[in-house]
Amino acid sequence: MNQITAKNLTMISDLLESEALLVKKFATASENAMDPELKSKLSSMSHLHRKHYTTLLNYLNSHQ
């Protein structure tokens, strides 16, 4: 398997942090939203960023 360079590892780490933060922010916003449609959209965004996070993590784990 190809090794990840230090630069790419740093970029992936930064992306993981960003995605984790977005998951939390959208989830919190969804919990606090009163409008059902807005709550649903915010929840969907949280799930989308969770998917991004998981994809990045799986990529990282597959290159260890």
N, C-alpha and C. Protein backbone atom coordinates (compact mmCIF):
# COMPACT_ATOMS: atom_id res chain seq x y z
N MET A 1 0.82 -1.19 0.00
CA MET A 1 0.00 0.00 0.00
C MET A 1 0.86 1.25 0.00
N ASN A 2 0.38 2.28 -0.63
CA ASN A 2 1.11 3.55 -0.65
C ASN A 2 1.03 4.23 0.70
N GLN A 3 2.17 4.79 1.10
CA GLN A 3 2.20 5.55 2.35
C GLN A 3 1.74 6.98 2.08
N ILE A 4 1.14 7.58 3.06
CA ILE A 4 0.69 8.96 2.96
C ILE A 4 1.85 9.86 3.38
N THR A 5 2.11 10.89 2.57
CA THR A 5 3.19 11.82 2.92
C THR A 5 2.79 12.64 4.14
N ALA A 6 3.77 13.22 4.79
CA ALA A 6 3.51 14.03 5.98
C ALA A 6 2.59 15.20 5.64
N LYS A 7 2.80 15.81 4.48
CA LYS A 7 1.97 16.95 4.06
C LYS A 7 0.52 16.50 3.87
N ASN A 8 0.32 15.38 3.20
CA ASN A 8 -1.04 14.88 2.99
C ASN A 8 -1.68 14.44 4.29
N LEU A 9 -0.89 13.88 5.18
CA LEU A 9 -1.40 13.47 6.48
C LEU A 9 -1.90 14.69 7.26
N THR A 10 -1.15 15.77 7.19
CA THR A 10 -1.56 17.01 7.85
C THR A 10 -2.85 17.55 7.24
N MET A 11 -2.95 17.51 5.91
CA MET A 11 -4.16 18.00 5.25
C MET A 11 -5.38 17.14 5.62
N ILE A 12 -5.20 15.83 5.65
CA ILE A 12 -6.30 14.94 6.02
C ILE A 12 -6.71 15.18 7.47
N SER A 13 -5.74 15.36 8.32
CA SER A 13 -6.03 15.64 9.73
C SER A 13 -6.83 16.93 9.87
N ASP A 14 -6.44 17.96 9.14
CA ASP A 14 -7.17 19.23 9.16
C ASP A 14 -8.60 19.06 8.64
N LEU A 15 -8.74 18.27 7.57
CA LEU A 15 -10.07 18.02 7.01
C LEU A 15 -10.94 17.25 8.00
N LEU A 16 -10.35 16.27 8.68
CA LEU A 16 -11.11 15.50 9.68
C LEU A 16 -11.62 16.42 10.79
N GLU A 17 -10.76 17.32 11.26
CA GLU A 17 -11.17 18.27 12.29
C GLU A 17 -12.30 19.17 11.80
N SER A 18 -12.17 19.65 10.57
CA SER A 18 -13.20 20.53 10.00
C SER A 18 -14.53 19.80 9.86
N GLU A 19 -14.47 18.58 9.35
CA GLU A 19 -15.71 17.81 9.17
C GLU A 19 -16.36 17.49 10.52
N ALA A 20 -15.55 17.15 11.51
CA ALA A 20 -16.10 16.86 12.84
C ALA A 20 -16.79 18.09 13.41
N LEU A 21 -16.18 19.25 13.23
CA LEU A 21 -16.77 20.49 13.70
C LEU A 21 -18.09 20.78 12.99
N LEU A 22 -18.12 20.56 11.68
CA LEU A 22 -19.35 20.80 10.91
C LEU A 22 -20.46 19.84 11.34
N VAL A 23 -20.10 18.59 11.62
CA VAL A 23 -21.10 17.62 12.11
C VAL A 23 -21.74 18.16 13.38
N LYS A 24 -20.91 18.61 14.32
CA LYS A 24 -21.41 19.11 15.60
C LYS A 24 -22.25 20.37 15.42
N LYS A 25 -21.77 21.30 14.60
CA LYS A 25 -22.49 22.57 14.42
C LYS A 25 -23.86 22.34 13.79
N PHE A 26 -23.90 21.53 12.72
CA PHE A 26 -25.20 21.28 12.07
C PHE A 26 -26.13 20.47 12.98
N ALA A 27 -25.60 19.54 13.74
CA ALA A 27 -26.43 18.76 14.65
C ALA A 27 -27.02 19.65 15.74
N THR A 28 -26.19 20.54 16.29
CA THR A 28 -26.67 21.47 17.32
C THR A 28 -27.72 22.42 16.75
N ALA A 29 -27.45 22.93 15.55
CA ALA A 29 -28.41 23.83 14.92
C ALA A 29 -29.73 23.11 14.65
N SER A 30 -29.64 21.86 14.24
CA SER A 30 -30.85 21.07 13.99
C SER A 30 -31.66 20.87 15.27
N GLU A 31 -30.96 20.58 16.36
CA GLU A 31 -31.63 20.36 17.64
C GLU A 31 -32.35 21.62 18.11
N ASN A 32 -31.78 22.78 17.79
CA ASN A 32 -32.34 24.04 18.27
C ASN A 32 -33.35 24.67 17.31
N ALA A 33 -33.43 24.16 16.10
CA ALA A 33 -34.35 24.73 15.11
C ALA A 33 -35.80 24.42 15.47
N MET A 34 -36.63 25.39 15.25
CA MET A 34 -38.06 25.20 15.54
C MET A 34 -38.84 24.76 14.29
N ASP A 35 -38.42 25.25 13.15
CA ASP A 35 -39.11 24.93 11.90
C ASP A 35 -38.75 23.51 11.47
N PRO A 36 -39.73 22.65 11.25
CA PRO A 36 -39.47 21.25 10.90
C PRO A 36 -38.65 21.08 9.61
N GLU A 37 -38.94 21.92 8.61
CA GLU A 37 -38.21 21.81 7.35
C GLU A 37 -36.73 22.20 7.54
N LEU A 38 -36.50 23.26 8.28
CA LEU A 38 -35.13 23.70 8.56
C LEU A 38 -34.41 22.65 9.40
N LYS A 39 -35.10 22.11 10.40
CA LYS A 39 -34.53 21.07 11.26
C LYS A 39 -34.08 19.87 10.41
N SER A 40 -34.91 19.48 9.45
CA SER A 40 -34.60 18.35 8.58
C SER A 40 -33.39 18.64 7.71
N LYS A 41 -33.33 19.84 7.14
CA LYS A 41 -32.21 20.19 6.27
C LYS A 41 -30.90 20.26 7.06
N LEU A 42 -30.95 20.83 8.24
CA LEU A 42 -29.76 20.91 9.07
C LEU A 42 -29.29 19.52 9.49
N SER A 43 -30.23 18.66 9.80
CA SER A 43 -29.90 17.28 10.16
C SER A 43 -29.25 16.56 8.97
N SER A 44 -29.79 16.78 7.78
CA SER A 44 -29.22 16.18 6.57
C SER A 44 -27.79 16.65 6.35
N MET A 45 -27.53 17.93 6.60
CA MET A 45 -26.18 18.46 6.44
C MET A 45 -25.23 17.82 7.46
N SER A 46 -25.72 17.61 8.67
CA SER A 46 -24.90 16.96 9.68
C SER A 46 -24.53 15.54 9.23
N HIS A 47 -25.52 14.82 8.69
CA HIS A 47 -25.27 13.46 8.22
C HIS A 47 -24.31 13.44 7.03
N LEU A 48 -24.42 14.43 6.15
CA LEU A 48 -23.52 14.52 5.00
C LEU A 48 -22.08 14.72 5.46
N HIS A 49 -21.88 15.58 6.43
CA HIS A 49 -20.52 15.82 6.92
C HIS A 49 -20.00 14.63 7.73
N ARG A 50 -20.90 13.91 8.37
CA ARG A 50 -20.50 12.67 9.05
C ARG A 50 -19.99 11.66 8.02
N LYS A 51 -20.66 11.61 6.88
CA LYS A 51 -20.23 10.72 5.79
C LYS A 51 -18.84 11.12 5.29
N HIS A 52 -18.64 12.43 5.11
CA HIS A 52 -17.33 12.92 4.68
C HIS A 52 -16.25 12.51 5.69
N TYR A 53 -16.56 12.70 6.98
CA TYR A 53 -15.62 12.36 8.05
C TYR A 53 -15.27 10.87 7.98
N THR A 54 -16.27 10.04 7.86
CA THR A 54 -16.07 8.59 7.82
C THR A 54 -15.25 8.18 6.60
N THR A 55 -15.53 8.81 5.46
CA THR A 55 -14.78 8.52 4.23
C THR A 55 -13.31 8.86 4.41
N LEU A 56 -13.04 10.03 4.98
CA LEU A 56 -11.66 10.44 5.22
C LEU A 56 -10.96 9.49 6.20
N LEU A 57 -11.67 9.13 7.25
CA LEU A 57 -11.10 8.24 8.25
C LEU A 57 -10.81 6.86 7.66
N ASN A 58 -11.72 6.35 6.85
CA ASN A 58 -11.51 5.05 6.19
C ASN A 58 -10.31 5.11 5.25
N TYR A 59 -10.18 6.22 4.53
CA TYR A 59 -9.03 6.38 3.63
C TYR A 59 -7.74 6.37 4.44
N LEU A 60 -7.75 7.11 5.52
CA LEU A 60 -6.57 7.19 6.38
C LEU A 60 -6.22 5.81 6.94
N ASN A 61 -7.21 5.10 7.43
CA ASN A 61 -6.97 3.76 8.00
C ASN A 61 -6.50 2.74 6.96
N SER A 62 -6.92 2.92 5.72
CA SER A 62 -6.53 1.97 4.67
C SER A 62 -5.09 2.18 4.20
N HIS A 63 -4.49 3.29 4.60
CA HIS A 63 -3.12 3.60 4.18
C HIS A 63 -2.12 3.56 5.34
N GLN A 64 -2.45 2.84 6.37
CA GLN A 64 -1.52 2.72 7.50
C GLN A 64 -0.60 1.55 7.30
